[in-house]
Amino acid sequence: MPGRGLGGAVPAGGLALLLAPGLLSPGLRASVLPTAGPLTLAPALEAAAAPALARSRPAVPPRPGAGPVVKRAVDVVGAAIGLVLLLPLLLVIAVLIKGDSPGPVLFRQSRIGLGNRPFRVWKFRTMTCCENGSVVRQARRDDPRVTRIGRILRRTSLDELPQLVNVLLGSMSLVGPRPHAVAHDAQFTGTVARYADRHAVRPGITGWAQVRGCRGETPNAAAMQRRVDLDLAYIEHWSLLLDLVILAMTLREIFRSQAAY
């Protein structure tokens, strides 16, 4: 039987769900070996050539069935286990941040989440500043604001670990569209097709866009359109298996990505 997702029916058959129409942007190809082999995905499109996939999709339908309940249960259990197991690492990171530069260990910033509602996201501080106003400058390569420890944390995404608390509080999910600063939401809502439709689900610590190479700076609307296209594909083809695949792919992306800085 086909599974029901947050946005509709999803093909069954293990990793074959990644071949669901629309899950990959136009120009991308995916193939699954006849047996239980590894998933092969073509390289991501260049951000400068943003596809028009999101513009052609119908509006995201209401989330049916027990999918949201199951997803929330997995989030709570996963976040609780993660915080317990990672507690020694979190304490070590906190000590390193405190000894590396003056300022708080944690950085809280207003972002937009489920239902277009604002919330405070938690991160380890990686910069000498803590911007949270009407103007928020994205981190760039060799950004002088990033601390020595911060560069390591950002490249490995360890700065995102405090967001496990956000997951427990219900403002975030383990997997979903990455939340953006309020200032960036205001900027891209008017320039990126269906940008606000990302708020149909809880934002995630990781997401389909991130494991498809969309990490780091989004310097223009074309780069953000690429992320939105992938976020909407995730919402429309969600399944619990897809979340598990994304979590596994996230570990690979952390060790190979050069886009996070």
Protein backbone atom coordinates (compact mmCIF):
# COMPACT_ATOMS: atom_id res chain seq x y z
CA MET A 1 0.00 0.00 0.00
CA PRO A 2 1.29 3.49 -0.73
CA GLY A 3 2.14 5.47 2.37
CA ARG A 4 0.57 8.76 3.28
CA GLY A 5 2.86 11.70 3.87
CA LEU A 6 2.61 15.19 5.23
CA GLY A 7 1.67 16.37 1.77
CA GLY A 8 0.01 13.34 0.12
CA ALA A 9 0.71 9.83 -1.16
CA VAL A 10 4.26 8.54 -1.25
CA PRO A 11 5.37 5.50 -3.24
CA ALA A 12 6.32 2.46 -1.16
CA GLY A 13 9.38 0.31 -1.81
CA GLY A 14 12.20 1.51 0.44
CA LEU A 15 14.60 4.00 -1.11
CA ALA A 16 12.52 4.00 -4.29
CA LEU A 17 10.44 6.72 -2.66
CA LEU A 18 13.28 9.07 -3.60
CA LEU A 19 12.17 8.60 -7.20
CA ALA A 20 8.76 10.11 -6.41
CA PRO A 21 7.83 12.65 -9.12
CA GLY A 22 8.93 16.11 -8.01
CA LEU A 23 11.21 15.03 -5.16
CA LEU A 24 14.24 15.83 -7.29
CA SER A 25 14.47 19.08 -9.20
CA PRO A 26 14.28 19.07 -13.02
CA GLY A 27 17.56 17.99 -14.54
CA LEU A 28 18.43 15.76 -11.59
CA ARG A 29 18.36 11.99 -12.02
CA ALA A 30 18.23 9.25 -9.42
CA SER A 31 18.67 5.52 -9.79
CA VAL A 32 18.35 2.66 -7.35
CA LEU A 33 20.09 -0.64 -7.98
CA PRO A 34 17.79 -3.66 -8.51
CA THR A 35 19.04 -5.14 -5.26
CA ALA A 36 19.65 -3.45 -1.92
CA GLY A 37 22.49 -1.34 -3.23
CA PRO A 38 23.47 2.25 -2.57
CA LEU A 39 21.39 5.16 -3.80
CA THR A 40 23.01 7.11 -6.64
CA LEU A 41 22.07 10.74 -7.13
CA ALA A 42 23.29 13.08 -9.82
CA PRO A 43 25.12 16.24 -8.69
CA ALA A 44 22.97 19.16 -7.60
CA LEU A 45 22.17 21.95 -10.03
CA GLU A 46 24.14 25.15 -9.84
CA ALA A 47 22.35 27.66 -7.62
CA ALA A 48 22.52 30.33 -10.33
CA ALA A 49 20.19 28.30 -12.54
CA ALA A 50 17.19 28.05 -10.24
CA PRO A 51 14.54 25.62 -11.54
CA ALA A 52 10.89 26.58 -11.87
CA LEU A 53 9.65 23.45 -10.07
CA ALA A 54 8.08 25.30 -7.15
CA ARG A 55 6.16 27.64 -9.44
CA SER A 56 4.36 24.75 -11.13
CA ARG A 57 3.30 22.82 -8.03
CA PRO A 58 -0.20 23.11 -6.56
CA ALA A 59 -0.57 24.51 -3.06
CA VAL A 60 0.59 22.23 -0.24
CA PRO A 61 -2.52 20.32 0.94
CA PRO A 62 -3.42 19.82 4.62
CA ARG A 63 -1.44 17.08 6.35
CA PRO A 64 -3.58 13.93 6.49
CA GLY A 65 -3.62 10.87 8.72
CA ALA A 66 -1.30 9.99 11.57
CA GLY A 67 1.85 11.17 9.81
CA PRO A 68 2.33 14.35 11.89
CA VAL A 69 1.79 12.41 15.14
CA VAL A 70 4.35 9.75 14.18
CA LYS A 71 6.84 12.39 13.07
CA ARG A 72 6.44 14.29 16.34
CA ALA A 73 6.91 11.13 18.40
CA VAL A 74 10.14 10.32 16.53
CA ASP A 75 11.31 13.91 17.05
CA VAL A 76 10.77 13.82 20.81
CA VAL A 77 12.40 10.41 21.30
CA GLY A 78 15.29 11.21 18.95
CA ALA A 79 15.99 14.63 20.49
CA ALA A 80 15.86 13.28 24.05
CA ILE A 81 18.24 10.42 23.27
CA GLY A 82 20.51 12.77 21.34
CA LEU A 83 20.79 15.25 24.21
CA VAL A 84 21.62 12.51 26.69
CA LEU A 85 24.26 10.85 24.49
CA LEU A 86 25.79 14.12 23.32
CA LEU A 87 25.87 15.86 26.71
CA PRO A 88 29.66 15.36 27.22
CA LEU A 89 30.33 16.78 23.73
CA LEU A 90 28.02 19.73 24.37
CA LEU A 91 29.89 20.56 27.58
CA VAL A 92 33.27 20.38 25.84
CA ILE A 93 32.07 22.68 23.06
CA ALA A 94 30.72 25.15 25.63
CA VAL A 95 34.11 25.29 27.40
CA LEU A 96 35.95 25.78 24.08
CA ILE A 97 33.66 28.62 23.03
CA LYS A 98 34.03 30.37 26.38
CA GLY A 99 37.82 30.12 26.24
CA ASP A 100 38.10 31.18 22.60
CA SER A 101 36.31 34.55 22.61
CA PRO A 102 34.26 36.79 24.92
CA GLY A 103 30.50 36.45 24.80
CA PRO A 104 27.75 33.96 25.57
CA VAL A 105 28.07 30.26 24.77
CA LEU A 106 24.63 30.07 23.17
CA PHE A 107 23.23 32.30 20.45
CA ARG A 108 19.46 32.79 20.15
CA GLN A 109 17.90 34.31 17.06
CA SER A 110 14.31 34.96 15.98
CA ARG A 111 13.26 32.77 13.06
CA ILE A 112 10.00 31.86 11.33
CA GLY A 113 8.51 28.41 11.86
CA LEU A 114 5.32 26.39 11.52
CA GLY A 115 2.31 28.46 10.50
CA ASN A 116 4.51 31.51 9.87
CA ARG A 117 4.96 31.92 13.64
CA PRO A 118 8.24 33.31 15.01
CA PHE A 119 10.33 31.37 17.54
CA ARG A 120 13.81 31.56 19.08
CA VAL A 121 16.31 29.14 17.62
CA TRP A 122 19.24 27.99 19.78
CA LYS A 123 22.75 27.58 18.41
CA PHE A 124 26.28 27.55 19.76
CA ARG A 125 27.80 31.00 19.22
CA THR A 126 30.25 30.93 16.32
CA MET A 127 30.73 34.66 15.72
CA THR A 128 31.97 37.66 17.63
CA CYS A 129 28.54 39.25 17.13
CA CYS A 130 24.97 38.07 17.74
CA GLU A 131 22.83 39.74 15.06
CA ASN A 132 19.09 39.51 15.57
CA GLY A 133 17.49 42.60 14.07
CA SER A 134 16.01 43.93 10.86
CA VAL A 135 19.36 43.42 9.12
CA VAL A 136 21.19 40.10 9.48
CA ARG A 137 24.30 39.54 7.34
CA GLN A 138 24.81 35.96 6.21
CA ALA A 139 28.18 34.37 6.91
CA ARG A 140 30.55 34.45 3.94
CA ARG A 141 33.71 32.54 3.15
CA ASP A 142 36.57 33.82 5.36
CA ASP A 143 34.11 35.98 7.28
CA PRO A 144 36.13 37.88 9.93
CA ARG A 145 33.20 37.68 12.36
CA VAL A 146 33.57 33.90 12.69
CA THR A 147 35.74 32.78 15.62
CA ARG A 148 38.44 30.09 15.47
CA ILE A 149 36.26 27.53 17.23
CA GLY A 150 33.29 28.83 15.28
CA ARG A 151 34.84 27.83 11.95
CA ILE A 152 35.12 24.23 13.09
CA LEU A 153 31.63 24.20 14.54
CA ARG A 154 30.07 25.68 11.40
CA ARG A 155 31.89 23.38 8.99
CA THR A 156 30.83 20.28 10.96
CA SER A 157 27.37 21.68 11.83
CA LEU A 158 28.05 21.05 15.52
CA ASP A 159 26.80 24.58 16.19
CA GLU A 160 23.29 23.30 15.41
CA LEU A 161 23.20 20.72 18.22
CA PRO A 162 21.42 22.99 20.76
CA GLN A 163 18.44 22.92 18.40
CA LEU A 164 17.66 19.51 19.87
CA VAL A 165 16.14 21.61 22.67
CA ASN A 166 14.01 23.40 20.06
CA VAL A 167 12.82 19.99 18.88
CA LEU A 168 11.77 18.99 22.41
CA LEU A 169 9.96 22.31 22.85
CA GLY A 170 8.01 21.68 19.64
CA SER A 171 9.24 24.63 17.58
CA MET A 172 11.43 22.45 15.35
CA SER A 173 11.70 18.93 13.94
CA LEU A 174 14.75 16.76 13.37
CA VAL A 175 14.11 16.97 9.61
CA GLY A 176 12.38 19.76 7.72
CA PRO A 177 13.03 23.02 5.85
CA ARG A 178 15.80 24.99 7.54
CA PRO A 179 14.45 28.11 9.31
CA HIS A 180 15.78 31.49 8.27
CA ALA A 181 16.17 34.74 10.16
CA VAL A 182 13.09 36.98 10.22
CA ALA A 183 14.93 39.59 8.13
CA HIS A 184 15.71 37.00 5.44
CA ASP A 185 12.12 35.73 5.42
CA ALA A 186 10.89 39.26 4.77
CA GLN A 187 13.44 39.64 1.98
CA PHE A 188 12.77 36.38 0.13
CA THR A 189 8.99 36.14 0.59
CA GLY A 190 8.55 38.79 -2.08
CA THR A 191 11.21 37.53 -4.49
CA VAL A 192 11.11 33.71 -4.30
CA ALA A 193 8.14 31.75 -5.64
CA ARG A 194 6.11 30.01 -2.90
CA TYR A 195 8.71 30.78 -0.26
CA ALA A 196 6.10 30.99 2.53
CA ASP A 197 4.79 27.48 1.72
CA ARG A 198 7.83 26.12 3.56
CA HIS A 199 6.04 27.08 6.79
CA ALA A 200 3.43 24.33 6.27
CA VAL A 201 5.58 22.06 8.48
CA ARG A 202 7.96 22.52 11.39
CA PRO A 203 11.45 23.66 10.36
CA GLY A 204 14.22 21.10 10.78
CA ILE A 205 17.77 20.81 12.07
CA THR A 206 18.56 19.21 8.71
CA GLY A 207 16.57 18.86 5.51
CA TRP A 208 16.35 17.56 1.96
CA ALA A 209 17.81 20.80 0.59
CA GLN A 210 20.85 20.55 2.86
CA VAL A 211 21.73 16.97 1.85
CA ARG A 212 21.34 18.00 -1.80
CA GLY A 213 24.16 20.49 -1.44
CA CYS A 214 22.26 23.63 -0.39
CA ARG A 215 24.31 24.63 2.62
CA GLY A 216 26.01 27.90 3.38
CA GLU A 217 25.32 31.33 1.95
CA THR A 218 22.34 32.15 -0.29
CA PRO A 219 23.59 35.35 -1.97
CA ASN A 220 20.61 35.83 -4.31
CA ALA A 221 17.01 34.86 -5.00
CA ALA A 222 18.10 32.15 -7.47
CA ALA A 223 20.06 30.32 -4.77
CA MET A 224 17.13 30.56 -2.36
CA GLN A 225 14.69 29.38 -5.06
CA ARG A 226 16.77 26.22 -5.39
CA ARG A 227 16.36 25.55 -1.66
CA VAL A 228 12.64 26.29 -1.70
CA ASP A 229 12.09 23.90 -4.62
CA LEU A 230 13.72 21.09 -2.65
CA ASP A 231 11.93 22.00 0.58
CA LEU A 232 8.53 21.85 -1.13
CA ALA A 233 9.41 18.53 -2.74
CA TYR A 234 10.22 17.17 0.72
CA ILE A 235 6.92 18.41 2.18
CA GLU A 236 4.88 16.90 -0.64
CA HIS A 237 6.62 13.50 -0.53
CA TRP A 238 7.28 13.10 3.18
CA SER A 239 7.50 9.70 4.82
CA LEU A 240 9.21 8.42 7.96
CA LEU A 241 11.64 6.48 5.77
CA LEU A 242 12.54 9.64 3.89
CA ASP A 243 13.37 11.35 7.20
CA LEU A 244 15.65 8.46 8.17
CA VAL A 245 17.38 8.59 4.78
CA ILE A 246 17.94 12.35 5.16
CA LEU A 247 19.41 11.90 8.64
CA ALA A 248 21.82 9.28 7.28
CA MET A 249 22.75 11.51 4.32
CA THR A 250 23.33 14.41 6.73
CA LEU A 251 26.25 12.57 8.33
CA ARG A 252 27.83 12.12 4.91
CA GLU A 253 27.23 15.75 3.98
CA ILE A 254 28.91 17.02 7.16
CA PHE A 255 32.18 15.33 6.29
CA ARG A 256 32.25 16.23 2.60
CA SER A 257 30.55 19.61 2.21
CA GLN A 258 32.64 22.69 1.51
CA ALA A 259 29.66 25.06 1.43
CA ALA A 260 29.35 25.57 5.21
CA TYR A 261 31.55 28.36 6.55
